[in-house]
Amino acid sequence: MKNLTKRENQIMELISIGFSNKQIAQKLELSRHTVAAHAGNIYRKLQVQNRAHAVNILFLKAIS
C-alpha cells in the first residue's frame, strides 16, 4: 500500500487476515510493543481509528 513502509505493509497484510498483535509479533519475531507501534503508524497514515477501518480502506483500494 502506498506510503506504508515494507514492514507496515507486512503487518497490514497480517492484520487484514485476522492476526492479533501477539500473533503478528510471533510470526515476524518482533515484540508486541513494536507491532503496536507499527499498527499505530499505519492507522495514522491511513487516517483511521481502528483495525476494521484500516482493513476496509485496504479492501477499497484493492478493488478500485
PDB file of N, CA and C in Angstrom:
ATOM      1  N   MET A   1       0.834  -1.170   0.000  1.00  0.00           N
ATOM      2  CA  MET A   1       0.000   0.000   0.000  1.00  0.00           C
ATOM      3  C   MET A   1       0.882   1.238   0.000  1.00  0.00           C
ATOM      4  N   LYS A   2       0.504   2.216  -0.773  1.00  0.00           N
ATOM      5  CA  LYS A   2       1.293   3.437  -0.931  1.00  0.00           C
ATOM      6  C   LYS A   2       1.492   4.147   0.410  1.00  0.00           C
ATOM      7  N   ASN A   3       2.673   4.692   0.605  1.00  0.00           N
ATOM      8  CA  ASN A   3       3.059   5.463   1.781  1.00  0.00           C
ATOM      9  C   ASN A   3       3.336   4.623   3.030  1.00  0.00           C
ATOM     10  N   LEU A   4       3.118   3.328   2.979  1.00  0.00           N
ATOM     11  CA  LEU A   4       3.473   2.479   4.107  1.00  0.00           C
ATOM     12  C   LEU A   4       4.851   1.882   3.848  1.00  0.00           C
ATOM     13  N   THR A   5       5.605   1.685   4.913  1.00  0.00           N
ATOM     14  CA  THR A   5       6.906   1.045   4.769  1.00  0.00           C
ATOM     15  C   THR A   5       6.710  -0.437   4.462  1.00  0.00           C
ATOM     16  N   LYS A   6       7.801  -1.090   4.093  1.00  0.00           N
ATOM     17  CA  LYS A   6       7.740  -2.522   3.822  1.00  0.00           C
ATOM     18  C   LYS A   6       7.214  -3.277   5.053  1.00  0.00           C
ATOM     19  N   ARG A   7       7.716  -2.938   6.228  1.00  0.00           N
ATOM     20  CA  ARG A   7       7.288  -3.605   7.457  1.00  0.00           C
ATOM     21  C   ARG A   7       5.820  -3.306   7.757  1.00  0.00           C
ATOM     22  N   GLU A   8       5.401  -2.060   7.561  1.00  0.00           N
ATOM     23  CA  GLU A   8       3.995  -1.721   7.785  1.00  0.00           C
ATOM     24  C   GLU A   8       3.088  -2.490   6.828  1.00  0.00           C
ATOM     25  N   ASN A   9       3.522  -2.653   5.587  1.00  0.00           N
ATOM     26  CA  ASN A   9       2.744  -3.450   4.636  1.00  0.00           C
ATOM     27  C   ASN A   9       2.644  -4.899   5.085  1.00  0.00           C
ATOM     28  N   GLN A  10       3.744  -5.456   5.607  1.00  0.00           N
ATOM     29  CA  GLN A  10       3.711  -6.824   6.117  1.00  0.00           C
ATOM     30  C   GLN A  10       2.689  -6.944   7.250  1.00  0.00           C
ATOM     31  N   ILE A  11       2.751  -5.999   8.155  1.00  0.00           N
ATOM     32  CA  ILE A  11       1.855  -6.024   9.307  1.00  0.00           C
ATOM     33  C   ILE A  11       0.414  -5.807   8.872  1.00  0.00           C
ATOM     34  N   MET A  12       0.187  -4.896   7.935  1.00  0.00           N
ATOM     35  CA  MET A  12      -1.171  -4.650   7.445  1.00  0.00           C
ATOM     36  C   MET A  12      -1.747  -5.886   6.772  1.00  0.00           C
ATOM     37  N   GLU A  13      -0.916  -6.608   6.047  1.00  0.00           N
ATOM     38  CA  GLU A  13      -1.375  -7.845   5.415  1.00  0.00           C
ATOM     39  C   GLU A  13      -1.833  -8.851   6.471  1.00  0.00           C
ATOM     40  N   LEU A  14      -1.066  -8.982   7.538  1.00  0.00           N
ATOM     41  CA  LEU A  14      -1.425  -9.921   8.604  1.00  0.00           C
ATOM     42  C   LEU A  14      -2.655  -9.453   9.372  1.00  0.00           C
ATOM     43  N   ILE A  15      -2.764  -8.146   9.586  1.00  0.00           N
ATOM     44  CA  ILE A  15      -3.970  -7.602  10.221  1.00  0.00           C
ATOM     45  C   ILE A  15      -5.182  -7.940   9.368  1.00  0.00           C
ATOM     46  N   SER A  16      -5.034  -7.790   8.060  1.00  0.00           N
ATOM     47  CA  SER A  16      -6.179  -7.981   7.160  1.00  0.00           C
ATOM     48  C   SER A  16      -6.680  -9.423   7.130  1.00  0.00           C
ATOM     49  N   ILE A  17      -5.832 -10.375   7.518  1.00  0.00           N
ATOM     50  CA  ILE A  17      -6.292 -11.765   7.546  1.00  0.00           C
ATOM     51  C   ILE A  17      -6.632 -12.220   8.963  1.00  0.00           C
ATOM     52  N   GLY A  18      -6.683 -11.243   9.883  1.00  0.00           N
ATOM     53  CA  GLY A  18      -7.201 -11.528  11.211  1.00  0.00           C
ATOM     54  C   GLY A  18      -6.198 -11.829  12.305  1.00  0.00           C
ATOM     55  N   PHE A  19      -4.914 -11.632  12.039  1.00  0.00           N
ATOM     56  CA  PHE A  19      -3.908 -11.888  13.071  1.00  0.00           C
ATOM     57  C   PHE A  19      -4.009 -10.834  14.168  1.00  0.00           C
ATOM     58  N   SER A  20      -3.804 -11.249  15.404  1.00  0.00           N
ATOM     59  CA  SER A  20      -3.707 -10.316  16.534  1.00  0.00           C
ATOM     60  C   SER A  20      -2.291  -9.758  16.585  1.00  0.00           C
ATOM     61  N   ASN A  21      -2.095  -8.710  17.372  1.00  0.00           N
ATOM     62  CA  ASN A  21      -0.737  -8.167  17.527  1.00  0.00           C
ATOM     63  C   ASN A  21       0.212  -9.232  18.060  1.00  0.00           C
ATOM     64  N   LYS A  22      -0.264 -10.041  18.999  1.00  0.00           N
ATOM     65  CA  LYS A  22       0.575 -11.102  19.565  1.00  0.00           C
ATOM     66  C   LYS A  22       0.986 -12.098  18.480  1.00  0.00           C
ATOM     67  N   GLN A  23       0.044 -12.504  17.635  1.00  0.00           N
ATOM     68  CA  GLN A  23       0.343 -13.455  16.553  1.00  0.00           C
ATOM     69  C   GLN A  23       1.306 -12.845  15.536  1.00  0.00           C
ATOM     70  N   ILE A  24       1.111 -11.567  15.220  1.00  0.00           N
ATOM     71  CA  ILE A  24       1.994 -10.881  14.283  1.00  0.00           C
ATOM     72  C   ILE A  24       3.406 -10.831  14.864  1.00  0.00           C
ATOM     73  N   ALA A  25       3.496 -10.489  16.128  1.00  0.00           N
ATOM     74  CA  ALA A  25       4.801 -10.404  16.798  1.00  0.00           C
ATOM     75  C   ALA A  25       5.529 -11.743  16.733  1.00  0.00           C
ATOM     76  N   GLN A  26       4.806 -12.821  16.991  1.00  0.00           N
ATOM     77  CA  GLN A  26       5.424 -14.146  16.946  1.00  0.00           C
ATOM     78  C   GLN A  26       5.867 -14.490  15.530  1.00  0.00           C
ATOM     79  N   LYS A  27       5.017 -14.230  14.558  1.00  0.00           N
ATOM     80  CA  LYS A  27       5.328 -14.584  13.176  1.00  0.00           C
ATOM     81  C   LYS A  27       6.529 -13.802  12.647  1.00  0.00           C
ATOM     82  N   LEU A  28       6.599 -12.507  12.963  1.00  0.00           N
ATOM     83  CA  LEU A  28       7.661 -11.659  12.432  1.00  0.00           C
ATOM     84  C   LEU A  28       8.848 -11.528  13.388  1.00  0.00           C
ATOM     85  N   GLU A  29       8.767 -12.223  14.513  1.00  0.00           N
ATOM     86  CA  GLU A  29       9.824 -12.185  15.535  1.00  0.00           C
ATOM     87  C   GLU A  29      10.098 -10.758  16.003  1.00  0.00           C
ATOM     88  N   LEU A  30       9.011 -10.084  16.381  1.00  0.00           N
ATOM     89  CA  LEU A  30       9.068  -8.732  16.923  1.00  0.00           C
ATOM     90  C   LEU A  30       8.392  -8.743  18.282  1.00  0.00           C
ATOM     91  N   SER A  31       8.570  -7.678  19.051  1.00  0.00           N
ATOM     92  CA  SER A  31       7.820  -7.565  20.301  1.00  0.00           C
ATOM     93  C   SER A  31       6.408  -7.073  19.992  1.00  0.00           C
ATOM     94  N   ARG A  32       5.489  -7.366  20.897  1.00  0.00           N
ATOM     95  CA  ARG A  32       4.113  -6.872  20.733  1.00  0.00           C
ATOM     96  C   ARG A  32       4.091  -5.349  20.723  1.00  0.00           C
ATOM     97  N   HIS A  33       4.993  -4.737  21.480  1.00  0.00           N
ATOM     98  CA  HIS A  33       5.052  -3.273  21.531  1.00  0.00           C
ATOM     99  C   HIS A  33       5.469  -2.699  20.178  1.00  0.00           C
ATOM    100  N   THR A  34       6.397  -3.362  19.511  1.00  0.00           N
ATOM    101  CA  THR A  34       6.836  -2.916  18.184  1.00  0.00           C
ATOM    102  C   THR A  34       5.700  -3.045  17.182  1.00  0.00           C
ATOM    103  N   VAL A  35       4.982  -4.149  17.249  1.00  0.00           N
ATOM    104  CA  VAL A  35       3.840  -4.349  16.350  1.00  0.00           C
ATOM    105  C   VAL A  35       2.787  -3.278  16.613  1.00  0.00           C
ATOM    106  N   ALA A  36       2.504  -3.003  17.869  1.00  0.00           N
ATOM    107  CA  ALA A  36       1.517  -1.984  18.216  1.00  0.00           C
ATOM    108  C   ALA A  36       1.947  -0.609  17.696  1.00  0.00           C
ATOM    109  N   ALA A  37       3.232  -0.308  17.780  1.00  0.00           N
ATOM    110  CA  ALA A  37       3.735   0.970  17.267  1.00  0.00           C
ATOM    111  C   ALA A  37       3.558   1.046  15.745  1.00  0.00           C
ATOM    112  N   HIS A  38       3.886  -0.039  15.049  1.00  0.00           N
ATOM    113  CA  HIS A  38       3.689  -0.062  13.598  1.00  0.00           C
ATOM    114  C   HIS A  38       2.204   0.074  13.251  1.00  0.00           C
ATOM    115  N   ALA A  39       1.352  -0.617  13.987  1.00  0.00           N
ATOM    116  CA  ALA A  39      -0.090  -0.531  13.738  1.00  0.00           C
ATOM    117  C   ALA A  39      -0.565   0.909  13.935  1.00  0.00           C
ATOM    118  N   GLY A  40      -0.082   1.557  14.977  1.00  0.00           N
ATOM    119  CA  GLY A  40      -0.432   2.964  15.211  1.00  0.00           C
ATOM    120  C   GLY A  40       0.008   3.853  14.061  1.00  0.00           C
ATOM    121  N   ASN A  41       1.196   3.600  13.542  1.00  0.00           N
ATOM    122  CA  ASN A  41       1.678   4.370  12.393  1.00  0.00           C
ATOM    123  C   ASN A  41       0.801   4.128  11.167  1.00  0.00           C
ATOM    124  N   ILE A  42       0.390   2.876  10.972  1.00  0.00           N
ATOM    125  CA  ILE A  42      -0.499   2.537   9.847  1.00  0.00           C
ATOM    126  C   ILE A  42      -1.809   3.303   9.985  1.00  0.00           C
ATOM    127  N   TYR A  43      -2.416   3.265  11.159  1.00  0.00           N
ATOM    128  CA  TYR A  43      -3.698   3.950  11.373  1.00  0.00           C
ATOM    129  C   TYR A  43      -3.551   5.452  11.139  1.00  0.00           C
ATOM    130  N   ARG A  44      -2.443   6.020  11.613  1.00  0.00           N
ATOM    131  CA  ARG A  44      -2.202   7.455  11.424  1.00  0.00           C
ATOM    132  C   ARG A  44      -2.083   7.784   9.938  1.00  0.00           C
ATOM    133  N   LYS A  45      -1.298   6.984   9.217  1.00  0.00           N
ATOM    134  CA  LYS A  45      -1.097   7.236   7.787  1.00  0.00           C
ATOM    135  C   LYS A  45      -2.379   7.060   6.983  1.00  0.00           C
ATOM    136  N   LEU A  46      -3.209   6.097   7.387  1.00  0.00           N
ATOM    137  CA  LEU A  46      -4.471   5.860   6.682  1.00  0.00           C
ATOM    138  C   LEU A  46      -5.600   6.741   7.209  1.00  0.00           C
ATOM    139  N   GLN A  47      -5.310   7.480   8.280  1.00  0.00           N
ATOM    140  CA  GLN A  47      -6.285   8.356   8.930  1.00  0.00           C
ATOM    141  C   GLN A  47      -7.524   7.580   9.385  1.00  0.00           C
ATOM    142  N   VAL A  48      -7.260   6.481  10.108  1.00  0.00           N
ATOM    143  CA  VAL A  48      -8.329   5.647  10.654  1.00  0.00           C
ATOM    144  C   VAL A  48      -8.096   5.486  12.151  1.00  0.00           C
ATOM    145  N   GLN A  49      -9.111   4.961  12.830  1.00  0.00           N
ATOM    146  CA  GLN A  49      -9.037   4.806  14.282  1.00  0.00           C
ATOM    147  C   GLN A  49      -8.852   3.368  14.748  1.00  0.00           C
ATOM    148  N   ASN A  50      -9.069   2.394  13.846  1.00  0.00           N
ATOM    149  CA  ASN A  50      -9.023   1.007  14.305  1.00  0.00           C
ATOM    150  C   ASN A  50      -8.723   0.043  13.155  1.00  0.00           C
ATOM    151  N   ARG A  51      -8.529  -1.229  13.525  1.00  0.00           N
ATOM    152  CA  ARG A  51      -8.190  -2.289  12.561  1.00  0.00           C
ATOM    153  C   ARG A  51      -9.250  -2.463  11.495  1.00  0.00           C
ATOM    154  N   ALA A  52     -10.503  -2.486  11.928  1.00  0.00           N
ATOM    155  CA  ALA A  52     -11.590  -2.724  10.975  1.00  0.00           C
ATOM    156  C   ALA A  52     -11.611  -1.659   9.890  1.00  0.00           C
ATOM    157  N   HIS A  53     -11.449  -0.418  10.280  1.00  0.00           N
ATOM    158  CA  HIS A  53     -11.444   0.663   9.296  1.00  0.00           C
ATOM    159  C   HIS A  53     -10.210   0.566   8.396  1.00  0.00           C
ATOM    160  N   ALA A  54      -9.065   0.212   8.954  1.00  0.00           N
ATOM    161  CA  ALA A  54      -7.846   0.049   8.149  1.00  0.00           C
ATOM    162  C   ALA A  54      -8.021  -1.051   7.110  1.00  0.00           C
ATOM    163  N   VAL A  55      -8.619  -2.168   7.516  1.00  0.00           N
ATOM    164  CA  VAL A  55      -8.854  -3.282   6.588  1.00  0.00           C
ATOM    165  C   VAL A  55      -9.839  -2.856   5.508  1.00  0.00           C
ATOM    166  N   ASN A  56     -10.861  -2.090   5.892  1.00  0.00           N
ATOM    167  CA  ASN A  56     -11.830  -1.591   4.917  1.00  0.00           C
ATOM    168  C   ASN A  56     -11.143  -0.701   3.880  1.00  0.00           C
ATOM    169  N   ILE A  57     -10.264   0.178   4.313  1.00  0.00           N
ATOM    170  CA  ILE A  57      -9.515   1.047   3.397  1.00  0.00           C
ATOM    171  C   ILE A  57      -8.677   0.188   2.444  1.00  0.00           C
ATOM    172  N   LEU A  58      -7.999  -0.805   2.992  1.00  0.00           N
ATOM    173  CA  LEU A  58      -7.180  -1.714   2.184  1.00  0.00           C
ATOM    174  C   LEU A  58      -8.035  -2.393   1.118  1.00  0.00           C
ATOM    175  N   PHE A  59      -9.202  -2.880   1.513  1.00  0.00           N
ATOM    176  CA  PHE A  59     -10.103  -3.549   0.568  1.00  0.00           C
ATOM    177  C   PHE A  59     -10.570  -2.578  -0.513  1.00  0.00           C
ATOM    178  N   LEU A  60     -10.984  -1.396  -0.116  1.00  0.00           N
ATOM    179  CA  LEU A  60     -11.472  -0.428  -1.097  1.00  0.00           C
ATOM    180  C   LEU A  60     -10.388  -0.023  -2.090  1.00  0.00           C
ATOM    181  N   LYS A  61      -9.163   0.116  -1.626  1.00  0.00           N
ATOM    182  CA  LYS A  61      -8.060   0.448  -2.540  1.00  0.00           C
ATOM    183  C   LYS A  61      -7.760  -0.704  -3.481  1.00  0.00           C
ATOM    184  N   ALA A  62      -7.922  -1.926  -2.991  1.00  0.00           N
ATOM    185  CA  ALA A  62      -7.643  -3.110  -3.806  1.00  0.00           C
ATOM    186  C   ALA A  62      -8.646  -3.251  -4.951  1.00  0.00           C
ATOM    187  N   ILE A  63      -9.897  -2.862  -4.719  1.00  0.00           N
ATOM    188  CA  ILE A  63     -10.912  -3.045  -5.765  1.00  0.00           C
ATOM    189  C   ILE A  63     -11.060  -1.832  -6.677  1.00  0.00           C
ATOM    190  N   SER A  64     -10.390  -0.731  -6.337  1.00  0.00           N
ATOM    191  CA  SER A  64     -10.524   0.461  -7.182  1.00  0.00           C
ATOM    192  C   SER A  64      -9.462   0.508  -8.252  1.00  0.00           C
TER     193      SER A  64
END
